[in-house]
Amino acid sequence: MGIDSEKGNVLFLILIAVVLFAALSFAFTQNTRPGIATPNSEVLEIQASEIVQYATYIENTIMRMIISQKCSPEDISFYMPGIAKLATYKHTPESPDTCKVFHPLGGGANYHLIPTEFLDETYTGVGGFNTTIFANRTCVEDVPEPEASACNSDGIDNEDLVMIIPFLKSKALCSKINARLGVMPYNADPPYDANCGFIWNATFDGNYSDGYEIDSAGGELKNQRSGCFAGNAVCPETYTFYHVLIAR
């Protein structure tokens, strides 16, 4: 009787192990199938952290160049020979190498393509996909401080130098970014910006010009140096991260 009972217990434990292994295998398969799984909170946290840290890294590089290498905000250049995605950032006349963000004699920053797993691959091939836009025609309301930097469309070149990453993969990632930045709590819908805040060819070439404003309908992005917003069919209708590198 004791032996039969022990055999039954062993068989029962083996059965549980098989069921758990099957469940684990199914979960792993679902999480590794492209386009199907939704990243869990830990994955989203890592992705949000990488995006925010990269933006801070570029801003700190620029501030160091302005302070230690006496580069003016107009001299700051993102042009780097040999990197095709940065070809449109060349100044006329060209900035000195010491004022180029990605040049070894300048900021010496590493240029990163945005990982495709962070992005909505529906827009593969669209300008700005899998890259970073350094925009010269974008203004963020009340940055650096309320009432000191009003955006308007009257031809005044008070636009900021803004780093933009368009086509983020999901509302969840956008929400995680905003939560990390303290813009709004996690799982809150990202603020909606009908103005989009940028255009694809608004690349910084040393000149600023009147253009677009990042300003959500509910005012959530006012005085926010960094954040993520939802766009519309013009933007297009995905999620966009922005970070003010130089406030003007």
C-alpha atoms as a PDB file:
ATOM      1  CA  MET A   1       0.000   0.000   0.000  1.00  0.00           C
ATOM      2  CA  GLY A   2       2.840   2.364   0.881  1.00  0.00           C
ATOM      3  CA  ILE A   3       4.711   1.531  -2.311  1.00  0.00           C
ATOM      4  CA  ASP A   4       1.646   2.126  -4.506  1.00  0.00           C
ATOM      5  CA  SER A   5       1.059   5.433  -2.731  1.00  0.00           C
ATOM      6  CA  GLU A   6       4.634   6.525  -3.355  1.00  0.00           C
ATOM      7  CA  LYS A   7       4.370   5.553  -7.030  1.00  0.00           C
ATOM      8  CA  GLY A   8       1.173   7.554  -7.298  1.00  0.00           C
ATOM      9  CA  ASN A   9       2.802  10.595  -5.757  1.00  0.00           C
ATOM     10  CA  VAL A  10       5.754  10.342  -8.130  1.00  0.00           C
ATOM     11  CA  LEU A  11       3.469  10.044 -11.156  1.00  0.00           C
ATOM     12  CA  PHE A  12       1.441  13.000  -9.917  1.00  0.00           C
ATOM     13  CA  LEU A  13       4.577  15.123  -9.503  1.00  0.00           C
ATOM     14  CA  ILE A  14       5.798  14.122 -12.962  1.00  0.00           C
ATOM     15  CA  LEU A  15       2.422  15.101 -14.434  1.00  0.00           C
ATOM     16  CA  ILE A  16       2.591  18.529 -12.740  1.00  0.00           C
ATOM     17  CA  ALA A  17       6.138  19.036 -14.043  1.00  0.00           C
ATOM     18  CA  VAL A  18       5.040  18.197 -17.611  1.00  0.00           C
ATOM     19  CA  VAL A  19       2.111  20.630 -17.413  1.00  0.00           C
ATOM     20  CA  LEU A  20       4.310  23.421 -16.026  1.00  0.00           C
ATOM     21  CA  PHE A  21       6.965  22.821 -18.668  1.00  0.00           C
ATOM     22  CA  ALA A  22       4.335  22.932 -21.431  1.00  0.00           C
ATOM     23  CA  ALA A  23       2.923  26.178 -20.061  1.00  0.00           C
ATOM     24  CA  LEU A  24       6.385  27.711 -19.807  1.00  0.00           C
ATOM     25  CA  SER A  25       7.247  26.627 -23.341  1.00  0.00           C
ATOM     26  CA  PHE A  26       4.002  28.129 -24.671  1.00  0.00           C
ATOM     27  CA  ALA A  27       4.640  31.431 -22.877  1.00  0.00           C
ATOM     28  CA  PHE A  28       8.195  31.600 -24.189  1.00  0.00           C
ATOM     29  CA  THR A  29       7.011  30.842 -27.736  1.00  0.00           C
ATOM     30  CA  GLN A  30       4.379  33.559 -27.539  1.00  0.00           C
ATOM     31  CA  ASN A  31       6.893  36.091 -26.214  1.00  0.00           C
ATOM     32  CA  THR A  32       9.406  35.372 -28.942  1.00  0.00           C
ATOM     33  CA  ARG A  33       7.025  35.445 -31.909  1.00  0.00           C
ATOM     34  CA  PRO A  34       7.482  38.826 -33.640  1.00  0.00           C
ATOM     35  CA  GLY A  35       4.450  41.078 -33.840  1.00  0.00           C
ATOM     36  CA  ILE A  36       2.390  39.038 -31.396  1.00  0.00           C
ATOM     37  CA  ALA A  37       3.667  39.456 -27.867  1.00  0.00           C
ATOM     38  CA  THR A  38       3.192  42.626 -25.854  1.00  0.00           C
ATOM     39  CA  PRO A  39       6.360  43.524 -23.937  1.00  0.00           C
ATOM     40  CA  ASN A  40       5.955  43.154 -20.204  1.00  0.00           C
ATOM     41  CA  SER A  41       6.469  46.007 -17.783  1.00  0.00           C
ATOM     42  CA  GLU A  42      10.141  45.176 -17.180  1.00  0.00           C
ATOM     43  CA  VAL A  43      10.933  45.200 -20.912  1.00  0.00           C
ATOM     44  CA  LEU A  44       9.073  48.485 -21.357  1.00  0.00           C
ATOM     45  CA  GLU A  45      10.992  49.973 -18.422  1.00  0.00           C
ATOM     46  CA  ILE A  46      14.305  49.028 -20.037  1.00  0.00           C
ATOM     47  CA  GLN A  47      13.260  50.458 -23.414  1.00  0.00           C
ATOM     48  CA  ALA A  48      11.995  53.690 -21.847  1.00  0.00           C
ATOM     49  CA  SER A  49      15.214  54.012 -19.857  1.00  0.00           C
ATOM     50  CA  GLU A  50      17.379  53.566 -22.945  1.00  0.00           C
ATOM     51  CA  ILE A  51      15.473  56.249 -24.857  1.00  0.00           C
ATOM     52  CA  VAL A  52      15.552  58.779 -22.008  1.00  0.00           C
ATOM     53  CA  GLN A  53      19.216  58.081 -21.200  1.00  0.00           C
ATOM     54  CA  TYR A  54      20.256  58.489 -24.847  1.00  0.00           C
ATOM     55  CA  ALA A  55      18.530  61.878 -25.009  1.00  0.00           C
ATOM     56  CA  THR A  56      20.208  62.982 -21.769  1.00  0.00           C
ATOM     57  CA  TYR A  57      23.553  61.750 -23.095  1.00  0.00           C
ATOM     58  CA  ILE A  58      23.235  63.884 -26.251  1.00  0.00           C
ATOM     59  CA  GLU A  59      22.119  66.936 -24.232  1.00  0.00           C
ATOM     60  CA  ASN A  60      25.053  66.590 -21.825  1.00  0.00           C
ATOM     61  CA  THR A  61      27.454  66.241 -24.749  1.00  0.00           C
ATOM     62  CA  ILE A  62      26.152  69.493 -26.242  1.00  0.00           C
ATOM     63  CA  MET A  63      26.335  71.352 -22.937  1.00  0.00           C
ATOM     64  CA  ARG A  64      29.943  70.223 -22.490  1.00  0.00           C
ATOM     65  CA  MET A  65      30.822  71.451 -25.996  1.00  0.00           C
ATOM     66  CA  ILE A  66      29.210  74.831 -25.337  1.00  0.00           C
ATOM     67  CA  ILE A  67      31.043  75.273 -22.033  1.00  0.00           C
ATOM     68  CA  SER A  68      34.454  73.739 -22.670  1.00  0.00           C
ATOM     69  CA  GLN A  69      34.860  74.241 -26.414  1.00  0.00           C
ATOM     70  CA  LYS A  70      33.056  77.591 -26.671  1.00  0.00           C
ATOM     71  CA  CYS A  71      30.617  76.351 -29.340  1.00  0.00           C
ATOM     72  CA  SER A  72      27.604  78.582 -29.865  1.00  0.00           C
ATOM     73  CA  PRO A  73      24.124  77.006 -30.128  1.00  0.00           C
ATOM     74  CA  GLU A  74      24.250  77.815 -33.843  1.00  0.00           C
ATOM     75  CA  ASP A  75      27.639  76.086 -34.258  1.00  0.00           C
ATOM     76  CA  ILE A  76      26.460  72.792 -32.780  1.00  0.00           C
ATOM     77  CA  SER A  77      26.392  70.283 -35.630  1.00  0.00           C
ATOM     78  CA  PHE A  78      25.105  66.732 -35.960  1.00  0.00           C
ATOM     79  CA  TYR A  79      26.837  66.220 -39.303  1.00  0.00           C
ATOM     80  CA  MET A  80      29.335  63.392 -39.434  1.00  0.00           C
ATOM     81  CA  PRO A  81      31.054  62.234 -42.645  1.00  0.00           C
ATOM     82  CA  GLY A  82      30.366  58.579 -43.348  1.00  0.00           C
ATOM     83  CA  ILE A  83      26.987  58.437 -41.597  1.00  0.00           C
ATOM     84  CA  ALA A  84      24.340  58.681 -44.314  1.00  0.00           C
ATOM     85  CA  LYS A  85      21.467  59.519 -41.951  1.00  0.00           C
ATOM     86  CA  LEU A  86      23.364  62.643 -40.813  1.00  0.00           C
ATOM     87  CA  ALA A  87      24.178  63.997 -44.282  1.00  0.00           C
ATOM     88  CA  THR A  88      21.428  66.652 -44.172  1.00  0.00           C
ATOM     89  CA  TYR A  89      22.814  68.196 -40.977  1.00  0.00           C
ATOM     90  CA  LYS A  90      25.821  69.807 -42.657  1.00  0.00           C
ATOM     91  CA  HIS A  91      26.098  73.562 -42.026  1.00  0.00           C
ATOM     92  CA  THR A  92      26.922  76.204 -44.627  1.00  0.00           C
ATOM     93  CA  PRO A  93      29.630  77.230 -43.949  1.00  0.00           C
ATOM     94  CA  GLU A  94      30.525  73.962 -42.240  1.00  0.00           C
ATOM     95  CA  SER A  95      30.948  73.981 -38.464  1.00  0.00           C
ATOM     96  CA  PRO A  96      34.399  73.229 -37.064  1.00  0.00           C
ATOM     97  CA  ASP A  97      34.989  69.611 -36.099  1.00  0.00           C
ATOM     98  CA  THR A  98      35.263  70.676 -32.449  1.00  0.00           C
ATOM     99  CA  CYS A  99      31.571  71.633 -32.509  1.00  0.00           C
ATOM    100  CA  LYS A 100      30.299  68.411 -34.114  1.00  0.00           C
ATOM    101  CA  VAL A 101      28.431  66.218 -31.649  1.00  0.00           C
ATOM    102  CA  PHE A 102      29.541  62.894 -33.143  1.00  0.00           C
ATOM    103  CA  HIS A 103      33.043  63.876 -34.248  1.00  0.00           C
ATOM    104  CA  PRO A 104      36.006  62.561 -32.191  1.00  0.00           C
ATOM    105  CA  LEU A 105      37.429  66.101 -32.023  1.00  0.00           C
ATOM    106  CA  GLY A 106      34.040  67.465 -30.938  1.00  0.00           C
ATOM    107  CA  GLY A 107      31.571  65.801 -28.613  1.00  0.00           C
ATOM    108  CA  GLY A 108      32.789  62.294 -29.426  1.00  0.00           C
ATOM    109  CA  ALA A 109      29.267  60.955 -28.878  1.00  0.00           C
ATOM    110  CA  ASN A 110      28.241  57.569 -30.236  1.00  0.00           C
ATOM    111  CA  TYR A 111      25.512  57.666 -32.873  1.00  0.00           C
ATOM    112  CA  HIS A 112      22.815  55.050 -32.310  1.00  0.00           C
ATOM    113  CA  LEU A 113      20.088  53.835 -34.617  1.00  0.00           C
ATOM    114  CA  ILE A 114      16.844  53.259 -32.769  1.00  0.00           C
ATOM    115  CA  PRO A 115      16.302  49.497 -32.288  1.00  0.00           C
ATOM    116  CA  THR A 116      13.464  48.262 -34.491  1.00  0.00           C
ATOM    117  CA  GLU A 117      11.863  46.439 -31.558  1.00  0.00           C
ATOM    118  CA  PHE A 118      11.133  49.892 -30.097  1.00  0.00           C
ATOM    119  CA  LEU A 119       9.306  50.965 -33.268  1.00  0.00           C
ATOM    120  CA  ASP A 120       6.083  50.477 -35.207  1.00  0.00           C
ATOM    121  CA  GLU A 121       7.359  48.583 -38.247  1.00  0.00           C
ATOM    122  CA  THR A 122       4.258  49.618 -40.203  1.00  0.00           C
ATOM    123  CA  TYR A 123       6.271  52.743 -41.041  1.00  0.00           C
ATOM    124  CA  THR A 124       9.469  51.042 -42.192  1.00  0.00           C
ATOM    125  CA  GLY A 125      10.841  53.063 -45.102  1.00  0.00           C
ATOM    126  CA  VAL A 126       9.144  56.313 -44.063  1.00  0.00           C
ATOM    127  CA  GLY A 127      11.516  59.241 -43.471  1.00  0.00           C
ATOM    128  CA  GLY A 128      12.640  59.332 -39.880  1.00  0.00           C
ATOM    129  CA  PHE A 129      12.092  55.634 -39.213  1.00  0.00           C
ATOM    130  CA  ASN A 130      14.852  53.912 -37.220  1.00  0.00           C
ATOM    131  CA  THR A 131      16.716  57.149 -36.613  1.00  0.00           C
ATOM    132  CA  THR A 132      16.738  60.300 -34.527  1.00  0.00           C
ATOM    133  CA  ILE A 133      15.610  63.698 -35.809  1.00  0.00           C
ATOM    134  CA  PHE A 134      17.408  66.802 -34.528  1.00  0.00           C
ATOM    135  CA  ALA A 135      14.822  69.423 -35.382  1.00  0.00           C
ATOM    136  CA  ASN A 136      15.266  73.176 -35.852  1.00  0.00           C
ATOM    137  CA  ARG A 137      11.609  74.089 -36.408  1.00  0.00           C
ATOM    138  CA  THR A 138      10.031  72.830 -33.196  1.00  0.00           C
ATOM    139  CA  CYS A 139       9.055  74.775 -30.092  1.00  0.00           C
ATOM    140  CA  VAL A 140       7.918  73.474 -26.696  1.00  0.00           C
ATOM    141  CA  GLU A 141       5.625  75.851 -24.839  1.00  0.00           C
ATOM    142  CA  ASP A 142       7.006  77.388 -21.604  1.00  0.00           C
ATOM    143  CA  VAL A 143      10.459  75.800 -21.803  1.00  0.00           C
ATOM    144  CA  PRO A 144      12.728  76.648 -20.039  1.00  0.00           C
ATOM    145  CA  GLU A 145      10.185  78.269 -17.706  1.00  0.00           C
ATOM    146  CA  PRO A 146       6.538  79.414 -17.784  1.00  0.00           C
ATOM    147  CA  GLU A 147       5.855  82.687 -19.589  1.00  0.00           C
ATOM    148  CA  ALA A 148       9.512  82.996 -20.585  1.00  0.00           C
ATOM    149  CA  SER A 149       9.354  81.077 -23.826  1.00  0.00           C
ATOM    150  CA  ALA A 150       6.043  81.333 -25.604  1.00  0.00           C
ATOM    151  CA  CYS A 151       5.691  79.533 -28.927  1.00  0.00           C
ATOM    152  CA  ASN A 152       3.993  81.352 -31.735  1.00  0.00           C
ATOM    153  CA  SER A 153       3.802  81.352 -35.514  1.00  0.00           C
ATOM    154  CA  ASP A 154       4.606  84.981 -36.260  1.00  0.00           C
ATOM    155  CA  GLY A 155       7.966  84.378 -37.898  1.00  0.00           C
ATOM    156  CA  ILE A 156      10.036  84.753 -34.732  1.00  0.00           C
ATOM    157  CA  ASP A 157      12.751  82.131 -34.641  1.00  0.00           C
ATOM    158  CA  ASN A 158      12.281  81.148 -30.995  1.00  0.00           C
ATOM    159  CA  GLU A 159      12.181  77.442 -31.814  1.00  0.00           C
ATOM    160  CA  ASP A 160      14.173  75.072 -29.636  1.00  0.00           C
ATOM    161  CA  LEU A 161      16.733  72.498 -30.716  1.00  0.00           C
ATOM    162  CA  VAL A 162      14.764  69.302 -30.178  1.00  0.00           C
ATOM    163  CA  MET A 163      15.676  65.645 -30.406  1.00  0.00           C
ATOM    164  CA  ILE A 164      12.772  63.592 -31.764  1.00  0.00           C
ATOM    165  CA  ILE A 165      12.238  59.838 -32.029  1.00  0.00           C
ATOM    166  CA  PRO A 166       9.073  59.109 -34.029  1.00  0.00           C
ATOM    167  CA  PHE A 167       7.158  55.868 -34.673  1.00  0.00           C
ATOM    168  CA  LEU A 168       7.406  54.363 -31.200  1.00  0.00           C
ATOM    169  CA  LYS A 169       5.849  50.922 -31.129  1.00  0.00           C
ATOM    170  CA  SER A 170       3.063  51.266 -28.598  1.00  0.00           C
ATOM    171  CA  LYS A 171       0.992  53.388 -26.292  1.00  0.00           C
ATOM    172  CA  ALA A 172       2.398  51.317 -23.421  1.00  0.00           C
ATOM    173  CA  LEU A 173       5.988  52.356 -24.234  1.00  0.00           C
ATOM    174  CA  CYS A 174       4.957  56.009 -24.631  1.00  0.00           C
ATOM    175  CA  SER A 175       3.122  55.843 -21.297  1.00  0.00           C
ATOM    176  CA  LYS A 176       6.133  54.238 -19.612  1.00  0.00           C
ATOM    177  CA  ILE A 177       8.378  57.054 -20.880  1.00  0.00           C
ATOM    178  CA  ASN A 178       6.010  59.711 -19.524  1.00  0.00           C
ATOM    179  CA  ALA A 179       5.818  57.931 -16.171  1.00  0.00           C
ATOM    180  CA  ARG A 180       9.611  57.753 -15.954  1.00  0.00           C
ATOM    181  CA  LEU A 181       9.836  61.488 -16.707  1.00  0.00           C
ATOM    182  CA  GLY A 182       7.087  62.376 -14.246  1.00  0.00           C
ATOM    183  CA  VAL A 183       4.877  63.832 -16.990  1.00  0.00           C
ATOM    184  CA  MET A 184       1.908  61.638 -16.065  1.00  0.00           C
ATOM    185  CA  PRO A 185       1.285  58.308 -14.328  1.00  0.00           C
ATOM    186  CA  TYR A 186       1.865  54.986 -16.057  1.00  0.00           C
ATOM    187  CA  ASN A 187      -1.131  53.623 -17.988  1.00  0.00           C
ATOM    188  CA  ALA A 188      -2.491  57.141 -18.479  1.00  0.00           C
ATOM    189  CA  ASP A 189      -3.176  57.798 -22.157  1.00  0.00           C
ATOM    190  CA  PRO A 190      -0.309  59.787 -23.697  1.00  0.00           C
ATOM    191  CA  PRO A 191      -1.248  63.414 -24.422  1.00  0.00           C
ATOM    192  CA  TYR A 192      -2.548  64.060 -27.917  1.00  0.00           C
ATOM    193  CA  ASP A 193      -0.795  66.648 -30.080  1.00  0.00           C
ATOM    194  CA  ALA A 194      -2.636  67.507 -33.280  1.00  0.00           C
ATOM    195  CA  ASN A 195       0.202  69.807 -34.374  1.00  0.00           C
ATOM    196  CA  CYS A 196       2.667  66.895 -34.433  1.00  0.00           C
ATOM    197  CA  GLY A 197       5.474  69.218 -33.349  1.00  0.00           C
ATOM    198  CA  PHE A 198       7.858  68.465 -36.210  1.00  0.00           C
ATOM    199  CA  ILE A 199       8.313  67.743 -39.901  1.00  0.00           C
ATOM    200  CA  TRP A 200      10.617  65.155 -41.434  1.00  0.00           C
ATOM    201  CA  ASN A 201      13.024  67.531 -43.201  1.00  0.00           C
ATOM    202  CA  ALA A 202      13.333  70.057 -40.352  1.00  0.00           C
ATOM    203  CA  THR A 203      16.928  69.044 -39.658  1.00  0.00           C
ATOM    204  CA  PHE A 204      19.227  71.411 -37.791  1.00  0.00           C
ATOM    205  CA  ASP A 205      21.817  73.049 -40.088  1.00  0.00           C
ATOM    206  CA  GLY A 206      22.798  75.929 -37.822  1.00  0.00           C
ATOM    207  CA  ASN A 207      19.637  77.913 -38.543  1.00  0.00           C
ATOM    208  CA  TYR A 208      16.333  78.088 -36.684  1.00  0.00           C
ATOM    209  CA  SER A 209      13.047  78.945 -38.367  1.00  0.00           C
ATOM    210  CA  ASP A 210       9.443  79.340 -37.280  1.00  0.00           C
ATOM    211  CA  GLY A 211       7.586  76.067 -37.523  1.00  0.00           C
ATOM    212  CA  TYR A 212       5.781  73.674 -35.236  1.00  0.00           C
ATOM    213  CA  GLU A 213       4.736  73.573 -31.617  1.00  0.00           C
ATOM    214  CA  ILE A 214       4.584  70.662 -29.194  1.00  0.00           C
ATOM    215  CA  ASP A 215       1.586  71.517 -27.060  1.00  0.00           C
ATOM    216  CA  SER A 216      -1.042  68.939 -26.130  1.00  0.00           C
ATOM    217  CA  ALA A 217      -4.694  69.899 -25.983  1.00  0.00           C
ATOM    218  CA  GLY A 218      -4.786  69.409 -22.203  1.00  0.00           C
ATOM    219  CA  GLY A 219      -1.564  71.308 -21.611  1.00  0.00           C
ATOM    220  CA  GLU A 220       0.223  68.233 -20.218  1.00  0.00           C
ATOM    221  CA  LEU A 221       3.403  69.007 -22.175  1.00  0.00           C
ATOM    222  CA  LYS A 222       3.725  72.688 -21.307  1.00  0.00           C
ATOM    223  CA  ASN A 223       6.966  73.330 -19.439  1.00  0.00           C
ATOM    224  CA  GLN A 224       7.955  69.686 -20.044  1.00  0.00           C
ATOM    225  CA  ARG A 225      11.460  69.511 -21.471  1.00  0.00           C
ATOM    226  CA  SER A 226      10.926  65.889 -22.423  1.00  0.00           C
ATOM    227  CA  GLY A 227       7.946  63.642 -23.054  1.00  0.00           C
ATOM    228  CA  CYS A 228       5.987  61.393 -25.375  1.00  0.00           C
ATOM    229  CA  PHE A 229       2.806  62.216 -27.278  1.00  0.00           C
ATOM    230  CA  ALA A 230       0.264  60.584 -29.544  1.00  0.00           C
ATOM    231  CA  GLY A 231      -0.197  61.968 -33.038  1.00  0.00           C
ATOM    232  CA  ASN A 232      -2.722  61.758 -35.823  1.00  0.00           C
ATOM    233  CA  ALA A 233      -2.684  60.703 -39.478  1.00  0.00           C
ATOM    234  CA  VAL A 234      -0.459  63.691 -40.317  1.00  0.00           C
ATOM    235  CA  CYS A 235       2.220  62.816 -37.742  1.00  0.00           C
ATOM    236  CA  PRO A 236       1.426  59.921 -38.576  1.00  0.00           C
ATOM    237  CA  GLU A 237      -0.781  58.194 -36.049  1.00  0.00           C
ATOM    238  CA  THR A 238       1.867  56.672 -33.809  1.00  0.00           C
ATOM    239  CA  TYR A 239       3.746  57.801 -30.720  1.00  0.00           C
ATOM    240  CA  THR A 240       6.619  60.285 -30.629  1.00  0.00           C
ATOM    241  CA  PHE A 241       9.294  60.988 -28.039  1.00  0.00           C
ATOM    242  CA  TYR A 242      10.878  64.451 -27.832  1.00  0.00           C
ATOM    243  CA  HIS A 243      13.615  66.049 -25.737  1.00  0.00           C
ATOM    244  CA  VAL A 244      14.683  69.704 -25.768  1.00  0.00           C
ATOM    245  CA  LEU A 245      18.456  69.824 -26.219  1.00  0.00           C
ATOM    246  CA  ILE A 246      18.739  73.635 -26.268  1.00  0.00           C
ATOM    247  CA  ALA A 247      15.866  75.787 -25.045  1.00  0.00           C
ATOM    248  CA  ARG A 248      15.549  79.202 -26.711  1.00  0.00           C
END
